[in-house]
Amino acid sequence: QVQLVESGGGLVQPGGSLTLSCAFSGRTFSSYAMGWFRQAPGKEREFVSAISRSAGNTKYAHSVQGRFTISRENIKNTVYLQMNSLKPEDTGVYYCNTASYWGQGTQVTVSS
C-alpha cells in the first residue's frame, strides 16, 4: 500500500515562492512516476506537473510552465514542487499522486 504525505503549503504573497514536498512510503519509490495536481475552490482537480521514475522526463501544465519545477530524490523517497512567481490563481489544495494513490493535500493560498 502506497502512502503519500504532502507538506510545505501556506500563505504567500503574489510573486512569492513555496516548495511543496511529498513523502512516499510503502513501495519502491523509484518504480513510480509521480505527479502533482491541484484543486481550486469550486473547480475540478487539474494536472500541474509530473516526473518520470528516473527524473529524466518532466511535464507541466501550460499555466505553470516556466514558474514551477518538479524534482525528486529517490534516495529520500520524496518528490518536490518548487513554485516561483506565484499568482492568486495558483491558490488551491495541492495533491501528490502516483497510480491510483493520492495524498491528503496541502493548502496553498496566494494573496496580499
PDB file of N, CA and C in Angstrom:
ATOM      1  N   GLN A   1       0.840  -1.188   0.000  1.00  0.00           N
ATOM      2  CA  GLN A   1       0.000   0.000   0.000  1.00  0.00           C
ATOM      3  C   GLN A   1       0.881   1.246   0.000  1.00  0.00           C
ATOM      4  N   VAL A   2       0.692   2.074  -1.012  1.00  0.00           N
ATOM      5  CA  VAL A   2       1.456   3.314  -1.101  1.00  0.00           C
ATOM      6  C   VAL A   2       0.799   4.382  -0.227  1.00  0.00           C
ATOM      7  N   GLN A   3       1.627   5.128   0.482  1.00  0.00           N
ATOM      8  CA  GLN A   3       1.156   6.285   1.245  1.00  0.00           C
ATOM      9  C   GLN A   3       1.907   7.522   0.785  1.00  0.00           C
ATOM     10  N   LEU A   4       1.168   8.612   0.637  1.00  0.00           N
ATOM     11  CA  LEU A   4       1.731   9.885   0.195  1.00  0.00           C
ATOM     12  C   LEU A   4       1.351  10.959   1.205  1.00  0.00           C
ATOM     13  N   VAL A   5       2.337  11.732   1.637  1.00  0.00           N
ATOM     14  CA  VAL A   5       2.088  12.789   2.611  1.00  0.00           C
ATOM     15  C   VAL A   5       2.717  14.082   2.102  1.00  0.00           C
ATOM     16  N   GLU A   6       1.859  15.051   1.798  1.00  0.00           N
ATOM     17  CA  GLU A   6       2.331  16.349   1.318  1.00  0.00           C
ATOM     18  C   GLU A   6       2.603  17.295   2.479  1.00  0.00           C
ATOM     19  N   SER A   7       3.507  18.239   2.241  1.00  0.00           N
ATOM     20  CA  SER A   7       3.796  19.295   3.205  1.00  0.00           C
ATOM     21  C   SER A   7       4.350  20.500   2.459  1.00  0.00           C
ATOM     22  N   GLY A   8       4.410  21.628   3.169  1.00  0.00           N
ATOM     23  CA  GLY A   8       5.032  22.817   2.598  1.00  0.00           C
ATOM     24  C   GLY A   8       4.079  23.893   2.125  1.00  0.00           C
ATOM     25  N   GLY A   9       2.792  23.651   2.200  1.00  0.00           N
ATOM     26  CA  GLY A   9       1.842  24.670   1.793  1.00  0.00           C
ATOM     27  C   GLY A   9       1.797  25.823   2.782  1.00  0.00           C
ATOM     28  N   GLY A  10       1.071  26.867   2.398  1.00  0.00           N
ATOM     29  CA  GLY A  10       0.950  28.014   3.284  1.00  0.00           C
ATOM     30  C   GLY A  10       0.413  29.224   2.562  1.00  0.00           C
ATOM     31  N   LEU A  11       0.495  30.358   3.237  1.00  0.00           N
ATOM     32  CA  LEU A  11       0.052  31.638   2.679  1.00  0.00           C
ATOM     33  C   LEU A  11       1.269  32.404   2.170  1.00  0.00           C
ATOM     34  N   VAL A  12       1.181  32.879   0.946  1.00  0.00           N
ATOM     35  CA  VAL A  12       2.300  33.613   0.355  1.00  0.00           C
ATOM     36  C   VAL A  12       1.742  34.770  -0.470  1.00  0.00           C
ATOM     37  N   GLN A  13       2.495  35.841  -0.547  1.00  0.00           N
ATOM     38  CA  GLN A  13       2.076  36.988  -1.341  1.00  0.00           C
ATOM     39  C   GLN A  13       2.305  36.728  -2.825  1.00  0.00           C
ATOM     40  N   PRO A  14       1.545  37.392  -3.676  1.00  0.00           N
ATOM     41  CA  PRO A  14       1.797  37.269  -5.132  1.00  0.00           C
ATOM     42  C   PRO A  14       3.250  37.588  -5.452  1.00  0.00           C
ATOM     43  N   GLY A  15       3.827  36.775  -6.308  1.00  0.00           N
ATOM     44  CA  GLY A  15       5.232  36.921  -6.656  1.00  0.00           C
ATOM     45  C   GLY A  15       6.168  36.117  -5.779  1.00  0.00           C
ATOM     46  N   GLY A  16       5.632  35.556  -4.725  1.00  0.00           N
ATOM     47  CA  GLY A  16       6.445  34.785  -3.794  1.00  0.00           C
ATOM     48  C   GLY A  16       6.674  33.353  -4.257  1.00  0.00           C
ATOM     49  N   SER A  17       7.338  32.595  -3.380  1.00  0.00           N
ATOM     50  CA  SER A  17       7.716  31.218  -3.695  1.00  0.00           C
ATOM     51  C   SER A  17       7.353  30.281  -2.553  1.00  0.00           C
ATOM     52  N   LEU A  18       7.107  29.038  -2.926  1.00  0.00           N
ATOM     53  CA  LEU A  18       6.905  27.961  -1.963  1.00  0.00           C
ATOM     54  C   LEU A  18       7.469  26.689  -2.568  1.00  0.00           C
ATOM     55  N   THR A  19       7.903  25.783  -1.702  1.00  0.00           N
ATOM     56  CA  THR A  19       8.303  24.454  -2.152  1.00  0.00           C
ATOM     57  C   THR A  19       7.468  23.413  -1.433  1.00  0.00           C
ATOM     58  N   LEU A  20       6.744  22.617  -2.200  1.00  0.00           N
ATOM     59  CA  LEU A  20       5.965  21.522  -1.648  1.00  0.00           C
ATOM     60  C   LEU A  20       6.791  20.243  -1.679  1.00  0.00           C
ATOM     61  N   SER A  21       6.560  19.397  -0.687  1.00  0.00           N
ATOM     62  CA  SER A  21       7.209  18.086  -0.628  1.00  0.00           C
ATOM     63  C   SER A  21       6.145  17.011  -0.508  1.00  0.00           C
ATOM     64  N   CYS A  22       6.461  15.849  -1.043  1.00  0.00           N
ATOM     65  CA  CYS A  22       5.569  14.690  -0.916  1.00  0.00           C
ATOM     66  C   CYS A  22       6.426  13.498  -0.539  1.00  0.00           C
ATOM     67  N   ALA A  23       6.167  12.975   0.655  1.00  0.00           N
ATOM     68  CA  ALA A  23       6.898  11.815   1.145  1.00  0.00           C
ATOM     69  C   ALA A  23       6.153  10.545   0.760  1.00  0.00           C
ATOM     70  N   PHE A  24       6.870   9.622   0.151  1.00  0.00           N
ATOM     71  CA  PHE A  24       6.315   8.366  -0.376  1.00  0.00           C
ATOM     72  C   PHE A  24       6.752   7.210   0.521  1.00  0.00           C
ATOM     73  N   SER A  25       5.851   6.282   0.788  1.00  0.00           N
ATOM     74  CA  SER A  25       6.220   5.093   1.551  1.00  0.00           C
ATOM     75  C   SER A  25       5.341   3.921   1.128  1.00  0.00           C
ATOM     76  N   GLY A  26       5.793   2.730   1.439  1.00  0.00           N
ATOM     77  CA  GLY A  26       5.010   1.526   1.226  1.00  0.00           C
ATOM     78  C   GLY A  26       5.436   0.673   0.051  1.00  0.00           C
ATOM     79  N   ARG A  27       6.154   1.250  -0.889  1.00  0.00           N
ATOM     80  CA  ARG A  27       6.641   0.518  -2.055  1.00  0.00           C
ATOM     81  C   ARG A  27       7.994   1.100  -2.451  1.00  0.00           C
ATOM     82  N   THR A  28       8.530   0.637  -3.564  1.00  0.00           N
ATOM     83  CA  THR A  28       9.812   1.136  -4.055  1.00  0.00           C
ATOM     84  C   THR A  28       9.586   2.417  -4.843  1.00  0.00           C
ATOM     85  N   PHE A  29       9.993   3.525  -4.276  1.00  0.00           N
ATOM     86  CA  PHE A  29       9.713   4.849  -4.835  1.00  0.00           C
ATOM     87  C   PHE A  29      10.207   4.977  -6.272  1.00  0.00           C
ATOM     88  N   SER A  30      11.381   4.466  -6.529  1.00  0.00           N
ATOM     89  CA  SER A  30      11.979   4.650  -7.847  1.00  0.00           C
ATOM     90  C   SER A  30      11.237   3.902  -8.955  1.00  0.00           C
ATOM     91  N   SER A  31      10.259   3.101  -8.584  1.00  0.00           N
ATOM     92  CA  SER A  31       9.455   2.362  -9.564  1.00  0.00           C
ATOM     93  C   SER A  31       8.232   3.137 -10.038  1.00  0.00           C
ATOM     94  N   TYR A  32       8.009   4.326  -9.459  1.00  0.00           N
ATOM     95  CA  TYR A  32       6.784   5.065  -9.724  1.00  0.00           C
ATOM     96  C   TYR A  32       7.075   6.447 -10.312  1.00  0.00           C
ATOM     97  N   ALA A  33       6.393   6.746 -11.406  1.00  0.00           N
ATOM     98  CA  ALA A  33       6.318   8.136 -11.850  1.00  0.00           C
ATOM     99  C   ALA A  33       5.425   8.882 -10.862  1.00  0.00           C
ATOM    100  N   MET A  34       5.669  10.174 -10.692  1.00  0.00           N
ATOM    101  CA  MET A  34       4.956  10.957  -9.685  1.00  0.00           C
ATOM    102  C   MET A  34       4.352  12.205 -10.321  1.00  0.00           C
ATOM    103  N   GLY A  35       3.283  12.674  -9.720  1.00  0.00           N
ATOM    104  CA  GLY A  35       2.629  13.871 -10.249  1.00  0.00           C
ATOM    105  C   GLY A  35       2.078  14.762  -9.156  1.00  0.00           C
ATOM    106  N   TRP A  36       1.843  16.004  -9.545  1.00  0.00           N
ATOM    107  CA  TRP A  36       1.163  16.974  -8.685  1.00  0.00           C
ATOM    108  C   TRP A  36      -0.097  17.449  -9.406  1.00  0.00           C
ATOM    109  N   PHE A  37      -1.162  17.562  -8.631  1.00  0.00           N
ATOM    110  CA  PHE A  37      -2.424  18.102  -9.105  1.00  0.00           C
ATOM    111  C   PHE A  37      -2.871  19.182  -8.122  1.00  0.00           C
ATOM    112  N   ARG A  38      -3.818  19.989  -8.531  1.00  0.00           N
ATOM    113  CA  ARG A  38      -4.368  20.981  -7.606  1.00  0.00           C
ATOM    114  C   ARG A  38      -5.852  21.157  -7.852  1.00  0.00           C
ATOM    115  N   GLN A  39      -6.512  21.638  -6.820  1.00  0.00           N
ATOM    116  CA  GLN A  39      -7.948  21.896  -6.917  1.00  0.00           C
ATOM    117  C   GLN A  39      -8.269  23.222  -6.263  1.00  0.00           C
ATOM    118  N   ALA A  40      -8.751  24.152  -7.067  1.00  0.00           N
ATOM    119  CA  ALA A  40      -9.163  25.449  -6.561  1.00  0.00           C
ATOM    120  C   ALA A  40     -10.619  25.356  -6.086  1.00  0.00           C
ATOM    121  N   PRO A  41     -11.027  26.244  -5.195  1.00  0.00           N
ATOM    122  CA  PRO A  41     -12.406  26.226  -4.699  1.00  0.00           C
ATOM    123  C   PRO A  41     -13.416  26.291  -5.847  1.00  0.00           C
ATOM    124  N   GLY A  42     -14.350  25.360  -5.863  1.00  0.00           N
ATOM    125  CA  GLY A  42     -15.393  25.350  -6.874  1.00  0.00           C
ATOM    126  C   GLY A  42     -14.980  24.861  -8.237  1.00  0.00           C
ATOM    127  N   LYS A  43     -13.757  24.349  -8.338  1.00  0.00           N
ATOM    128  CA  LYS A  43     -13.263  23.878  -9.635  1.00  0.00           C
ATOM    129  C   LYS A  43     -12.864  22.410  -9.573  1.00  0.00           C
ATOM    130  N   GLU A  44     -12.697  21.825 -10.761  1.00  0.00           N
ATOM    131  CA  GLU A  44     -12.245  20.450 -10.852  1.00  0.00           C
ATOM    132  C   GLU A  44     -10.753  20.351 -10.516  1.00  0.00           C
ATOM    133  N   ARG A  45     -10.349  19.177 -10.060  1.00  0.00           N
ATOM    134  CA  ARG A  45      -8.933  18.934  -9.840  1.00  0.00           C
ATOM    135  C   ARG A  45      -8.232  18.933 -11.185  1.00  0.00           C
ATOM    136  N   GLU A  46      -7.044  19.586 -11.256  1.00  0.00           N
ATOM    137  CA  GLU A  46      -6.337  19.694 -12.517  1.00  0.00           C
ATOM    138  C   GLU A  46      -4.880  19.281 -12.386  1.00  0.00           C
ATOM    139  N   PHE A  47      -4.354  18.823 -13.492  1.00  0.00           N
ATOM    140  CA  PHE A  47      -2.948  18.418 -13.555  1.00  0.00           C
ATOM    141  C   PHE A  47      -2.046  19.638 -13.451  1.00  0.00           C
ATOM    142  N   VAL A  48      -0.956  19.496 -12.705  1.00  0.00           N
ATOM    143  CA  VAL A  48       0.036  20.557 -12.587  1.00  0.00           C
ATOM    144  C   VAL A  48       1.370  20.133 -13.200  1.00  0.00           C
ATOM    145  N   SER A  49       1.870  18.982 -12.756  1.00  0.00           N
ATOM    146  CA  SER A  49       3.194  18.579 -13.219  1.00  0.00           C
ATOM    147  C   SER A  49       3.388  17.095 -12.948  1.00  0.00           C
ATOM    148  N   ALA A  50       4.335  16.490 -13.695  1.00  0.00           N
ATOM    149  CA  ALA A  50       4.668  15.084 -13.490  1.00  0.00           C
ATOM    150  C   ALA A  50       6.136  14.864 -13.779  1.00  0.00           C
ATOM    151  N   ILE A  51       6.664  13.799 -13.189  1.00  0.00           N
ATOM    152  CA  ILE A  51       8.074  13.461 -13.369  1.00  0.00           C
ATOM    153  C   ILE A  51       8.199  11.953 -13.500  1.00  0.00           C
ATOM    154  N   SER A  52       9.075  11.524 -14.391  1.00  0.00           N
ATOM    155  CA  SER A  52       9.268  10.104 -14.625  1.00  0.00           C
ATOM    156  C   SER A  52      10.036   9.451 -13.470  1.00  0.00           C
ATOM    157  N   ARG A  53      10.144   8.136 -13.527  1.00  0.00           N
ATOM    158  CA  ARG A  53      10.768   7.392 -12.431  1.00  0.00           C
ATOM    159  C   ARG A  53      12.217   7.800 -12.200  1.00  0.00           C
ATOM    160  N   SER A  54      12.924   8.049 -13.284  1.00  0.00           N
ATOM    161  CA  SER A  54      14.345   8.403 -13.168  1.00  0.00           C
ATOM    162  C   SER A  54      14.579   9.902 -13.203  1.00  0.00           C
ATOM    163  N   ALA A  55      13.480  10.678 -13.256  1.00  0.00           N
ATOM    164  CA  ALA A  55      13.548  12.145 -13.342  1.00  0.00           C
ATOM    165  C   ALA A  55      14.049  12.626 -14.694  1.00  0.00           C
ATOM    166  N   GLY A  56      14.138  11.737 -15.661  1.00  0.00           N
ATOM    167  CA  GLY A  56      14.618  12.148 -16.966  1.00  0.00           C
ATOM    168  C   GLY A  56      13.603  12.916 -17.793  1.00  0.00           C
ATOM    169  N   ASN A  57      12.331  12.765 -17.438  1.00  0.00           N
ATOM    170  CA  ASN A  57      11.269  13.452 -18.174  1.00  0.00           C
ATOM    171  C   ASN A  57      10.333  14.152 -17.211  1.00  0.00           C
ATOM    172  N   THR A  58       9.982  15.379 -17.559  1.00  0.00           N
ATOM    173  CA  THR A  58       9.026  16.144 -16.765  1.00  0.00           C
ATOM    174  C   THR A  58       7.978  16.758 -17.686  1.00  0.00           C
ATOM    175  N   LYS A  59       6.806  17.006 -17.105  1.00  0.00           N
ATOM    176  CA  LYS A  59       5.715  17.650 -17.835  1.00  0.00           C
ATOM    177  C   LYS A  59       5.107  18.719 -16.945  1.00  0.00           C
ATOM    178  N   TYR A  60       4.574  19.764 -17.590  1.00  0.00           N
ATOM    179  CA  TYR A  60       3.952  20.849 -16.842  1.00  0.00           C
ATOM    180  C   TYR A  60       2.679  21.300 -17.541  1.00  0.00           C
ATOM    181  N   ALA A  61       1.730  21.721 -16.758  1.00  0.00           N
ATOM    182  CA  ALA A  61       0.570  22.399 -17.310  1.00  0.00           C
ATOM    183  C   ALA A  61       1.019  23.729 -17.890  1.00  0.00           C
ATOM    184  N   HIS A  62       0.344  24.156 -18.930  1.00  0.00           N
ATOM    185  CA  HIS A  62       0.724  25.415 -19.580  1.00  0.00           C
ATOM    186  C   HIS A  62       0.705  26.583 -18.597  1.00  0.00           C
ATOM    187  N   SER A  63      -0.229  26.533 -17.657  1.00  0.00           N
ATOM    188  CA  SER A  63      -0.399  27.649 -16.728  1.00  0.00           C
ATOM    189  C   SER A  63       0.760  27.808 -15.742  1.00  0.00           C
ATOM    190  N   VAL A  64       1.580  26.767 -15.573  1.00  0.00           N
ATOM    191  CA  VAL A  64       2.679  26.847 -14.604  1.00  0.00           C
ATOM    192  C   VAL A  64       4.042  26.723 -15.265  1.00  0.00           C
ATOM    193  N   GLN A  65       4.054  26.450 -16.573  1.00  0.00           N
ATOM    194  CA  GLN A  65       5.310  26.289 -17.305  1.00  0.00           C
ATOM    195  C   GLN A  65       6.202  27.518 -17.101  1.00  0.00           C
ATOM    196  N   GLY A  66       7.450  27.275 -16.747  1.00  0.00           N
ATOM    197  CA  GLY A  66       8.397  28.362 -16.553  1.00  0.00           C
ATOM    198  C   GLY A  66       8.407  28.942 -15.148  1.00  0.00           C
ATOM    199  N   ARG A  67       7.413  28.589 -14.337  1.00  0.00           N
ATOM    200  CA  ARG A  67       7.342  29.099 -12.958  1.00  0.00           C
ATOM    201  C   ARG A  67       7.528  27.994 -11.924  1.00  0.00           C
ATOM    202  N   PHE A  68       7.057  26.794 -12.242  1.00  0.00           N
ATOM    203  CA  PHE A  68       7.142  25.657 -11.330  1.00  0.00           C
ATOM    204  C   PHE A  68       8.193  24.672 -11.822  1.00  0.00           C
ATOM    205  N   THR A  69       8.834  23.995 -10.869  1.00  0.00           N
ATOM    206  CA  THR A  69       9.808  22.960 -11.202  1.00  0.00           C
ATOM    207  C   THR A  69       9.548  21.738 -10.335  1.00  0.00           C
ATOM    208  N   ILE A  70       9.374  20.600 -10.986  1.00  0.00           N
ATOM    209  CA  ILE A  70       9.196  19.345 -10.260  1.00  0.00           C
ATOM    210  C   ILE A  70      10.539  18.620 -10.212  1.00  0.00           C
ATOM    211  N   SER A  71      10.808  17.971  -9.088  1.00  0.00           N
ATOM    212  CA  SER A  71      12.034  17.204  -8.946  1.00  0.00           C
ATOM    213  C   SER A  71      11.782  16.066  -7.966  1.00  0.00           C
ATOM    214  N   ARG A  72      12.732  15.149  -7.895  1.00  0.00           N
ATOM    215  CA  ARG A  72      12.597  14.032  -6.965  1.00  0.00           C
ATOM    216  C   ARG A  72      13.967  13.609  -6.470  1.00  0.00           C
ATOM    217  N   GLU A  73      13.968  13.067  -5.260  1.00  0.00           N
ATOM    218  CA  GLU A  73      15.159  12.464  -4.680  1.00  0.00           C
ATOM    219  C   GLU A  73      14.815  11.031  -4.333  1.00  0.00           C
ATOM    220  N   ASN A  74      15.203  10.108  -5.182  1.00  0.00           N
ATOM    221  CA  ASN A  74      14.825   8.713  -4.969  1.00  0.00           C
ATOM    222  C   ASN A  74      15.418   8.150  -3.680  1.00  0.00           C
ATOM    223  N   ILE A  75      16.566   8.664  -3.276  1.00  0.00           N
ATOM    224  CA  ILE A  75      17.176   8.159  -2.047  1.00  0.00           C
ATOM    225  C   ILE A  75      16.395   8.605  -0.808  1.00  0.00           C
ATOM    226  N   LYS A  76      15.624   9.705  -0.959  1.00  0.00           N
ATOM    227  CA  LYS A  76      14.821  10.210   0.153  1.00  0.00           C
ATOM    228  C   LYS A  76      13.337   9.883  -0.004  1.00  0.00           C
ATOM    229  N   ASN A  77      12.982   9.170  -1.079  1.00  0.00           N
ATOM    230  CA  ASN A  77      11.580   8.820  -1.326  1.00  0.00           C
ATOM    231  C   ASN A  77      10.672  10.052  -1.333  1.00  0.00           C
ATOM    232  N   THR A  78      11.146  11.114  -1.943  1.00  0.00           N
ATOM    233  CA  THR A  78      10.430  12.384  -1.903  1.00  0.00           C
ATOM    234  C   THR A  78      10.390  13.041  -3.277  1.00  0.00           C
ATOM    235  N   VAL A  79       9.233  13.631  -3.584  1.00  0.00           N
ATOM    236  CA  VAL A  79       9.086  14.450  -4.783  1.00  0.00           C
ATOM    237  C   VAL A  79       8.767  15.868  -4.339  1.00  0.00           C
ATOM    238  N   TYR A  80       9.275  16.834  -5.088  1.00  0.00           N
ATOM    239  CA  TYR A  80       9.128  18.244  -4.730  1.00  0.00           C
ATOM    240  C   TYR A  80       8.440  19.013  -5.849  1.00  0.00           C
ATOM    241  N   LEU A  81       7.846  20.131  -5.456  1.00  0.00           N
ATOM    242  CA  LEU A  81       7.326  21.074  -6.442  1.00  0.00           C
ATOM    243  C   LEU A  81       7.763  22.464  -6.002  1.00  0.00           C
ATOM    244  N   GLN A  82       8.752  23.011  -6.692  1.00  0.00           N
ATOM    245  CA  GLN A  82       9.217  24.365  -6.432  1.00  0.00           C
ATOM    246  C   GLN A  82       8.333  25.323  -7.218  1.00  0.00           C
ATOM    247  N   MET A  83       7.690  26.250  -6.506  1.00  0.00           N
ATOM    248  CA  MET A  83       6.750  27.166  -7.138  1.00  0.00           C
ATOM    249  C   MET A  83       7.252  28.594  -6.965  1.00  0.00           C
ATOM    250  N   ASN A  84       7.538  29.248  -8.071  1.00  0.00           N
ATOM    251  CA  ASN A  84       8.018  30.630  -8.071  1.00  0.00           C
ATOM    252  C   ASN A  84       7.000  31.541  -8.761  1.00  0.00           C
ATOM    253  N   SER A  85       7.161  32.823  -8.542  1.00  0.00           N
ATOM    254  CA  SER A  85       6.286  33.826  -9.184  1.00  0.00           C
ATOM    255  C   SER A  85       4.813  33.456  -9.016  1.00  0.00           C
ATOM    256  N   LEU A  86       4.448  33.131  -7.811  1.00  0.00           N
ATOM    257  CA  LEU A  86       3.092  32.663  -7.552  1.00  0.00           C
ATOM    258  C   LEU A  86       2.055  33.744  -7.815  1.00  0.00           C
ATOM    259  N   LYS A  87       0.910  33.297  -8.301  1.00  0.00           N
ATOM    260  CA  LYS A  87      -0.201  34.182  -8.645  1.00  0.00           C
ATOM    261  C   LYS A  87      -1.430  33.792  -7.818  1.00  0.00           C
ATOM    262  N   PRO A  88      -2.354  34.711  -7.634  1.00  0.00           N
ATOM    263  CA  PRO A  88      -3.577  34.351  -6.893  1.00  0.00           C
ATOM    264  C   PRO A  88      -4.292  33.143  -7.494  1.00  0.00           C
ATOM    265  N   GLU A  89      -4.224  32.982  -8.795  1.00  0.00           N
ATOM    266  CA  GLU A  89      -4.888  31.840  -9.435  1.00  0.00           C
ATOM    267  C   GLU A  89      -4.199  30.505  -9.183  1.00  0.00           C
ATOM    268  N   ASP A  90      -3.043  30.532  -8.523  1.00  0.00           N
ATOM    269  CA  ASP A  90      -2.381  29.287  -8.103  1.00  0.00           C
ATOM    270  C   ASP A  90      -2.950  28.768  -6.787  1.00  0.00           C
ATOM    271  N   THR A  91      -3.828  29.531  -6.171  1.00  0.00           N
ATOM    272  CA  THR A  91      -4.438  29.124  -4.902  1.00  0.00           C
ATOM    273  C   THR A  91      -5.230  27.838  -5.061  1.00  0.00           C
ATOM    274  N   GLY A  92      -5.071  26.941  -4.096  1.00  0.00           N
ATOM    275  CA  GLY A  92      -5.816  25.694  -4.103  1.00  0.00           C
ATOM    276  C   GLY A  92      -5.171  24.665  -3.205  1.00  0.00           C
ATOM    277  N   VAL A  93      -5.779  23.496  -3.178  1.00  0.00           N
ATOM    278  CA  VAL A  93      -5.201  22.364  -2.467  1.00  0.00           C
ATOM    279  C   VAL A  93      -4.358  21.576  -3.468  1.00  0.00           C
ATOM    280  N   TYR A  94      -3.114  21.351  -3.103  1.00  0.00           N
ATOM    281  CA  TYR A  94      -2.179  20.645  -3.970  1.00  0.00           C
ATOM    282  C   TYR A  94      -2.045  19.202  -3.502  1.00  0.00           C
ATOM    283  N   TYR A  95      -2.204  18.289  -4.454  1.00  0.00           N
ATOM    284  CA  TYR A  95      -2.179  16.864  -4.159  1.00  0.00           C
ATOM    285  C   TYR A  95      -1.025  16.172  -4.881  1.00  0.00           C
ATOM    286  N   CYS A  96      -0.411  15.258  -4.182  1.00  0.00           N
ATOM    287  CA  CYS A  96       0.600  14.376  -4.754  1.00  0.00           C
ATOM    288  C   CYS A  96      -0.103  13.112  -5.248  1.00  0.00           C
ATOM    289  N   ASN A  97       0.354  12.585  -6.358  1.00  0.00           N
ATOM    290  CA  ASN A  97      -0.314  11.423  -6.967  1.00  0.00           C
ATOM    291  C   ASN A  97       0.672  10.473  -7.609  1.00  0.00           C
ATOM    292  N   THR A  98       0.379   9.184  -7.493  1.00  0.00           N
ATOM    293  CA  THR A  98       1.021   8.169  -8.302  1.00  0.00           C
ATOM    294  C   THR A  98       0.053   7.008  -8.470  1.00  0.00           C
ATOM    295  N   ALA A  99      -0.051   6.505  -9.685  1.00  0.00           N
ATOM    296  CA  ALA A  99      -1.003   5.432  -9.988  1.00  0.00           C
ATOM    297  C   ALA A  99      -2.384   5.841  -9.453  1.00  0.00           C
ATOM    298  N   SER A 100      -2.990   5.018  -8.604  1.00  0.00           N
ATOM    299  CA  SER A 100      -4.313   5.321  -8.068  1.00  0.00           C
ATOM    300  C   SER A 100      -4.251   5.925  -6.669  1.00  0.00           C
ATOM    301  N   TYR A 101      -3.053   6.318  -6.239  1.00  0.00           N
ATOM    302  CA  TYR A 101      -2.857   6.807  -4.883  1.00  0.00           C
ATOM    303  C   TYR A 101      -2.774   8.326  -4.841  1.00  0.00           C
ATOM    304  N   TRP A 102      -3.398   8.889  -3.789  1.00  0.00           N
ATOM    305  CA  TRP A 102      -3.414  10.332  -3.578  1.00  0.00           C
ATOM    306  C   TRP A 102      -3.038  10.653  -2.146  1.00  0.00           C
ATOM    307  N   GLY A 103      -2.347  11.778  -1.973  1.00  0.00           N
ATOM    308  CA  GLY A 103      -2.130  12.270  -0.632  1.00  0.00           C
ATOM    309  C   GLY A 103      -3.342  13.025  -0.133  1.00  0.00           C
ATOM    310  N   GLN A 104      -3.225  13.572   1.079  1.00  0.00           N
ATOM    311  CA  GLN A 104      -4.353  14.282   1.675  1.00  0.00           C
ATOM    312  C   GLN A 104      -4.437  15.727   1.209  1.00  0.00           C
ATOM    313  N   GLY A 105      -3.377  16.202   0.591  1.00  0.00           N
ATOM    314  CA  GLY A 105      -3.340  17.557   0.059  1.00  0.00           C
ATOM    315  C   GLY A 105      -2.738  18.557   1.026  1.00  0.00           C
ATOM    316  N   THR A 106      -2.223  19.628   0.475  1.00  0.00           N
ATOM    317  CA  THR A 106      -1.699  20.740   1.271  1.00  0.00           C
ATOM    318  C   THR A 106      -2.198  22.044   0.661  1.00  0.00           C
ATOM    319  N   GLN A 107      -2.662  22.946   1.514  1.00  0.00           N
ATOM    320  CA  GLN A 107      -3.287  24.180   1.036  1.00  0.00           C
ATOM    321  C   GLN A 107      -2.232  25.211   0.661  1.00  0.00           C
ATOM    322  N   VAL A 108      -2.389  25.795  -0.508  1.00  0.00           N
ATOM    323  CA  VAL A 108      -1.567  26.918  -0.950  1.00  0.00           C
ATOM    324  C   VAL A 108      -2.497  28.105  -1.197  1.00  0.00           C
ATOM    325  N   THR A 109      -2.219  29.209  -0.528  1.00  0.00           N
ATOM    326  CA  THR A 109      -3.017  30.420  -0.709  1.00  0.00           C
ATOM    327  C   THR A 109      -2.098  31.558  -1.120  1.00  0.00           C
ATOM    328  N   VAL A 110      -2.388  32.144  -2.254  1.00  0.00           N
ATOM    329  CA  VAL A 110      -1.596  33.262  -2.773  1.00  0.00           C
ATOM    330  C   VAL A 110      -2.476  34.510  -2.688  1.00  0.00           C
ATOM    331  N   SER A 111      -2.118  35.386  -1.769  1.00  0.00           N
ATOM    332  CA  SER A 111      -2.950  36.558  -1.518  1.00  0.00           C
ATOM    333  C   SER A 111      -2.125  37.647  -0.859  1.00  0.00           C
ATOM    334  N   SER A 112      -2.487  38.891  -1.149  1.00  0.00           N
ATOM    335  CA  SER A 112      -1.826  40.016  -0.488  1.00  0.00           C
ATOM    336  C   SER A 112      -2.631  40.462   0.724  1.00  0.00           C
TER     337      SER A 112
END
